[in-house]
């Protein structure tokens, strides 16, 4: 740390990590469901639960759109509010 207020950049980095992780989890589990076909939607396979769990990560603790807003405000220097 160099003594400057790095709060907006820390918030942006946290938002980047959450956005990439949650969107990647949704993509990977969607592909897994596609590979399994109809079985991917049944509760007999764990991928059904994984897909539901991955989707909720894009919603709670700030939606993906909010994460993008936090990142853009940090880049442009606008207040986070």
N, C-alpha and C. Protein backbone atom coordinates (compact mmCIF):
# COMPACT_ATOMS: atom_id res chain seq x y z
N UNK A 1 0.83 -1.18 0.00
CA UNK A 1 0.00 0.00 0.00
C UNK A 1 0.88 1.24 0.00
N UNK A 2 0.47 2.23 -0.71
CA UNK A 2 1.26 3.45 -0.81
C UNK A 2 0.64 4.61 -0.04
N UNK A 3 -0.33 4.35 0.81
CA UNK A 3 -0.92 5.40 1.62
C UNK A 3 -2.13 6.07 0.98
N UNK A 4 -2.37 5.83 -0.30
CA UNK A 4 -3.54 6.43 -0.95
C UNK A 4 -4.79 5.65 -0.58
N UNK A 5 -5.91 6.28 -0.80
CA UNK A 5 -7.18 5.61 -0.54
C UNK A 5 -7.46 4.66 -1.69
N UNK A 6 -7.30 3.37 -1.46
CA UNK A 6 -7.49 2.37 -2.50
C UNK A 6 -8.84 1.67 -2.41
N UNK A 7 -9.77 2.20 -1.62
CA UNK A 7 -11.05 1.55 -1.42
C UNK A 7 -11.80 1.28 -2.73
N UNK A 8 -11.90 2.24 -3.66
CA UNK A 8 -12.62 1.93 -4.90
C UNK A 8 -11.98 0.79 -5.69
N UNK A 9 -10.65 0.73 -5.67
CA UNK A 9 -9.98 -0.31 -6.43
C UNK A 9 -10.11 -1.67 -5.76
N UNK A 10 -10.11 -1.69 -4.44
CA UNK A 10 -10.33 -2.94 -3.72
C UNK A 10 -11.75 -3.44 -3.99
N UNK A 11 -12.71 -2.54 -3.97
CA UNK A 11 -14.09 -2.92 -4.26
C UNK A 11 -14.21 -3.44 -5.69
N UNK A 12 -13.51 -2.79 -6.61
CA UNK A 12 -13.56 -3.23 -8.00
C UNK A 12 -12.94 -4.61 -8.16
N UNK A 13 -11.82 -4.85 -7.49
CA UNK A 13 -11.19 -6.16 -7.59
C UNK A 13 -12.06 -7.25 -6.98
N UNK A 14 -12.72 -6.96 -5.87
CA UNK A 14 -13.65 -7.92 -5.28
C UNK A 14 -14.82 -8.19 -6.21
N UNK A 15 -15.32 -7.15 -6.85
CA UNK A 15 -16.42 -7.31 -7.80
C UNK A 15 -15.99 -8.12 -9.01
N UNK A 16 -14.77 -7.88 -9.48
CA UNK A 16 -14.26 -8.66 -10.62
C UNK A 16 -14.19 -10.14 -10.27
N UNK A 17 -13.66 -10.44 -9.08
CA UNK A 17 -13.53 -11.84 -8.66
C UNK A 17 -14.90 -12.51 -8.55
N UNK A 18 -15.86 -11.82 -7.93
CA UNK A 18 -17.19 -12.40 -7.78
C UNK A 18 -17.88 -12.59 -9.12
N UNK A 19 -17.74 -11.60 -9.99
CA UNK A 19 -18.37 -11.69 -11.30
C UNK A 19 -17.82 -12.85 -12.11
N UNK A 20 -16.50 -12.94 -12.19
CA UNK A 20 -15.88 -14.01 -12.98
C UNK A 20 -16.22 -15.38 -12.39
N UNK A 21 -16.13 -15.51 -11.08
CA UNK A 21 -16.40 -16.81 -10.45
C UNK A 21 -17.85 -17.24 -10.65
N UNK A 22 -18.79 -16.33 -10.43
CA UNK A 22 -20.20 -16.71 -10.54
C UNK A 22 -20.61 -16.96 -11.99
N UNK A 23 -20.15 -16.13 -12.91
CA UNK A 23 -20.50 -16.33 -14.32
C UNK A 23 -19.85 -17.61 -14.87
N UNK A 24 -18.64 -17.92 -14.43
CA UNK A 24 -17.97 -19.15 -14.87
C UNK A 24 -18.69 -20.37 -14.33
N UNK A 25 -19.12 -20.31 -13.07
CA UNK A 25 -19.85 -21.43 -12.48
C UNK A 25 -21.14 -21.70 -13.24
N UNK A 26 -21.85 -20.65 -13.61
CA UNK A 26 -23.09 -20.82 -14.38
C UNK A 26 -22.79 -21.43 -15.75
N UNK A 27 -21.76 -20.92 -16.41
CA UNK A 27 -21.41 -21.44 -17.74
C UNK A 27 -21.05 -22.93 -17.67
N UNK A 28 -20.20 -23.28 -16.71
CA UNK A 28 -19.74 -24.66 -16.60
C UNK A 28 -20.89 -25.60 -16.27
N UNK A 29 -21.75 -25.21 -15.34
CA UNK A 29 -22.86 -26.08 -14.99
C UNK A 29 -23.90 -26.16 -16.10
N UNK A 30 -24.09 -25.09 -16.86
CA UNK A 30 -24.97 -25.15 -18.03
C UNK A 30 -24.44 -26.16 -19.04
N UNK A 31 -23.14 -26.13 -19.27
CA UNK A 31 -22.54 -27.08 -20.21
C UNK A 31 -22.69 -28.51 -19.69
N UNK A 32 -22.54 -28.71 -18.39
CA UNK A 32 -22.70 -30.05 -17.81
C UNK A 32 -24.13 -30.55 -17.99
N UNK A 33 -25.09 -29.67 -17.79
CA UNK A 33 -26.49 -30.05 -18.00
C UNK A 33 -26.72 -30.41 -19.46
N UNK A 34 -26.15 -29.64 -20.37
CA UNK A 34 -26.30 -29.94 -21.80
C UNK A 34 -25.69 -31.29 -22.15
N UNK A 35 -24.55 -31.60 -21.57
CA UNK A 35 -23.89 -32.88 -21.84
C UNK A 35 -24.75 -34.04 -21.34
N UNK A 36 -25.35 -33.88 -20.18
CA UNK A 36 -26.18 -34.95 -19.61
C UNK A 36 -27.58 -35.01 -20.22
N UNK A 37 -27.95 -33.98 -20.95
CA UNK A 37 -29.28 -33.97 -21.56
C UNK A 37 -30.36 -33.89 -20.51
N UNK A 38 -31.41 -34.68 -20.69
CA UNK A 38 -32.53 -34.68 -19.76
C UNK A 38 -32.14 -35.11 -18.36
N UNK A 39 -31.12 -35.96 -18.26
CA UNK A 39 -30.67 -36.39 -16.93
C UNK A 39 -30.07 -35.24 -16.12
N UNK A 40 -29.63 -34.20 -16.80
CA UNK A 40 -29.05 -33.06 -16.10
C UNK A 40 -30.07 -32.28 -15.29
N UNK A 41 -31.34 -32.50 -15.56
CA UNK A 41 -32.41 -31.80 -14.85
C UNK A 41 -33.02 -32.63 -13.72
N UNK A 42 -32.64 -33.89 -13.62
CA UNK A 42 -33.21 -34.74 -12.58
C UNK A 42 -32.38 -34.66 -11.31
N UNK A 43 -33.04 -34.91 -10.21
CA UNK A 43 -32.34 -34.84 -8.92
C UNK A 43 -31.47 -36.07 -8.67
N UNK A 44 -31.48 -37.02 -9.59
CA UNK A 44 -30.64 -38.21 -9.45
C UNK A 44 -29.17 -37.88 -9.68
N UNK A 45 -28.91 -36.79 -10.37
CA UNK A 45 -27.53 -36.39 -10.67
C UNK A 45 -27.21 -35.11 -9.92
N UNK A 46 -26.00 -35.02 -9.36
CA UNK A 46 -25.65 -33.82 -8.58
C UNK A 46 -25.55 -32.54 -9.41
N UNK A 47 -25.46 -32.66 -10.72
CA UNK A 47 -25.31 -31.46 -11.54
C UNK A 47 -26.56 -30.58 -11.48
N UNK A 48 -27.71 -31.17 -11.20
CA UNK A 48 -28.94 -30.38 -11.07
C UNK A 48 -28.81 -29.40 -9.90
N UNK A 49 -28.33 -29.90 -8.77
CA UNK A 49 -28.14 -29.04 -7.60
C UNK A 49 -27.02 -28.04 -7.85
N UNK A 50 -25.95 -28.48 -8.48
CA UNK A 50 -24.84 -27.57 -8.79
C UNK A 50 -25.29 -26.42 -9.67
N UNK A 51 -26.17 -26.70 -10.61
CA UNK A 51 -26.69 -25.65 -11.50
C UNK A 51 -27.50 -24.63 -10.71
N UNK A 52 -28.36 -25.11 -9.83
CA UNK A 52 -29.15 -24.19 -8.99
C UNK A 52 -28.25 -23.36 -8.09
N UNK A 53 -27.26 -24.01 -7.48
CA UNK A 53 -26.34 -23.30 -6.59
C UNK A 53 -25.53 -22.26 -7.35
N UNK A 54 -25.09 -22.60 -8.55
CA UNK A 54 -24.29 -21.66 -9.35
C UNK A 54 -25.12 -20.44 -9.73
N UNK A 55 -26.36 -20.65 -10.08
CA UNK A 55 -27.22 -19.53 -10.48
C UNK A 55 -27.45 -18.56 -9.33
N UNK A 56 -27.60 -19.08 -8.12
CA UNK A 56 -27.86 -18.18 -6.99
C UNK A 56 -26.65 -17.30 -6.70
N UNK A 57 -25.44 -17.75 -7.03
CA UNK A 57 -24.25 -16.93 -6.80
C UNK A 57 -24.26 -15.66 -7.64
N UNK A 58 -24.97 -15.67 -8.77
CA UNK A 58 -25.05 -14.46 -9.58
C UNK A 58 -26.07 -13.47 -9.02
N UNK A 59 -26.85 -13.92 -8.02
CA UNK A 59 -27.91 -13.08 -7.48
C UNK A 59 -27.58 -12.52 -6.10
N UNK A 60 -27.19 -13.38 -5.16
CA UNK A 60 -26.98 -12.85 -3.81
C UNK A 60 -25.62 -12.20 -3.68
N UNK A 61 -25.50 -11.34 -2.67
CA UNK A 61 -24.31 -10.50 -2.45
C UNK A 61 -24.07 -9.56 -3.63
N UNK A 62 -25.12 -9.19 -4.31
CA UNK A 62 -25.02 -8.25 -5.43
C UNK A 62 -25.10 -8.99 -6.75
N UNK A 63 -26.05 -8.59 -7.57
CA UNK A 63 -26.20 -9.25 -8.86
C UNK A 63 -25.00 -8.95 -9.75
N UNK A 64 -24.90 -9.68 -10.85
CA UNK A 64 -23.80 -9.46 -11.79
C UNK A 64 -23.83 -8.03 -12.32
N UNK A 65 -25.02 -7.48 -12.50
CA UNK A 65 -25.12 -6.10 -12.99
C UNK A 65 -24.57 -5.11 -11.97
N UNK A 66 -24.83 -5.36 -10.70
CA UNK A 66 -24.30 -4.49 -9.65
C UNK A 66 -22.78 -4.59 -9.60
N UNK A 67 -22.25 -5.79 -9.77
CA UNK A 67 -20.79 -5.96 -9.78
C UNK A 67 -20.17 -5.17 -10.93
N UNK A 68 -20.81 -5.20 -12.08
CA UNK A 68 -20.31 -4.42 -13.22
C UNK A 68 -20.38 -2.92 -12.94
N UNK A 69 -21.43 -2.49 -12.24
CA UNK A 69 -21.58 -1.08 -11.88
C UNK A 69 -20.47 -0.65 -10.92
N UNK A 70 -20.16 -1.47 -9.93
CA UNK A 70 -19.08 -1.16 -8.98
C UNK A 70 -17.76 -1.04 -9.72
N UNK A 71 -17.50 -1.95 -10.65
CA UNK A 71 -16.25 -1.90 -11.41
C UNK A 71 -16.18 -0.65 -12.27
N UNK A 72 -17.26 -0.32 -12.95
CA UNK A 72 -17.24 0.85 -13.83
C UNK A 72 -17.08 2.14 -13.05
N UNK A 73 -17.69 2.22 -11.88
CA UNK A 73 -17.54 3.43 -11.06
C UNK A 73 -16.12 3.56 -10.53
N UNK A 74 -15.49 2.45 -10.21
CA UNK A 74 -14.10 2.52 -9.75
C UNK A 74 -13.17 2.96 -10.87
N UNK A 75 -13.45 2.50 -12.08
CA UNK A 75 -12.61 2.86 -13.23
C UNK A 75 -12.79 4.33 -13.60
N UNK A 76 -14.03 4.80 -13.58
CA UNK A 76 -14.30 6.19 -13.97
C UNK A 76 -14.08 7.19 -12.85
N UNK A 77 -13.96 6.69 -11.62
CA UNK A 77 -13.75 7.58 -10.49
C UNK A 77 -15.02 8.14 -9.89
N UNK A 78 -16.17 7.68 -10.35
CA UNK A 78 -17.44 8.12 -9.77
C UNK A 78 -17.60 7.51 -8.38
N UNK A 79 -18.32 8.17 -7.50
CA UNK A 79 -18.48 7.64 -6.13
C UNK A 79 -19.27 6.33 -6.13
N UNK A 80 -18.92 5.45 -5.20
CA UNK A 80 -19.61 4.17 -5.09
C UNK A 80 -20.99 4.31 -4.46
N UNK A 81 -21.20 5.31 -3.64
CA UNK A 81 -22.45 5.59 -2.93
C UNK A 81 -22.76 4.51 -1.98
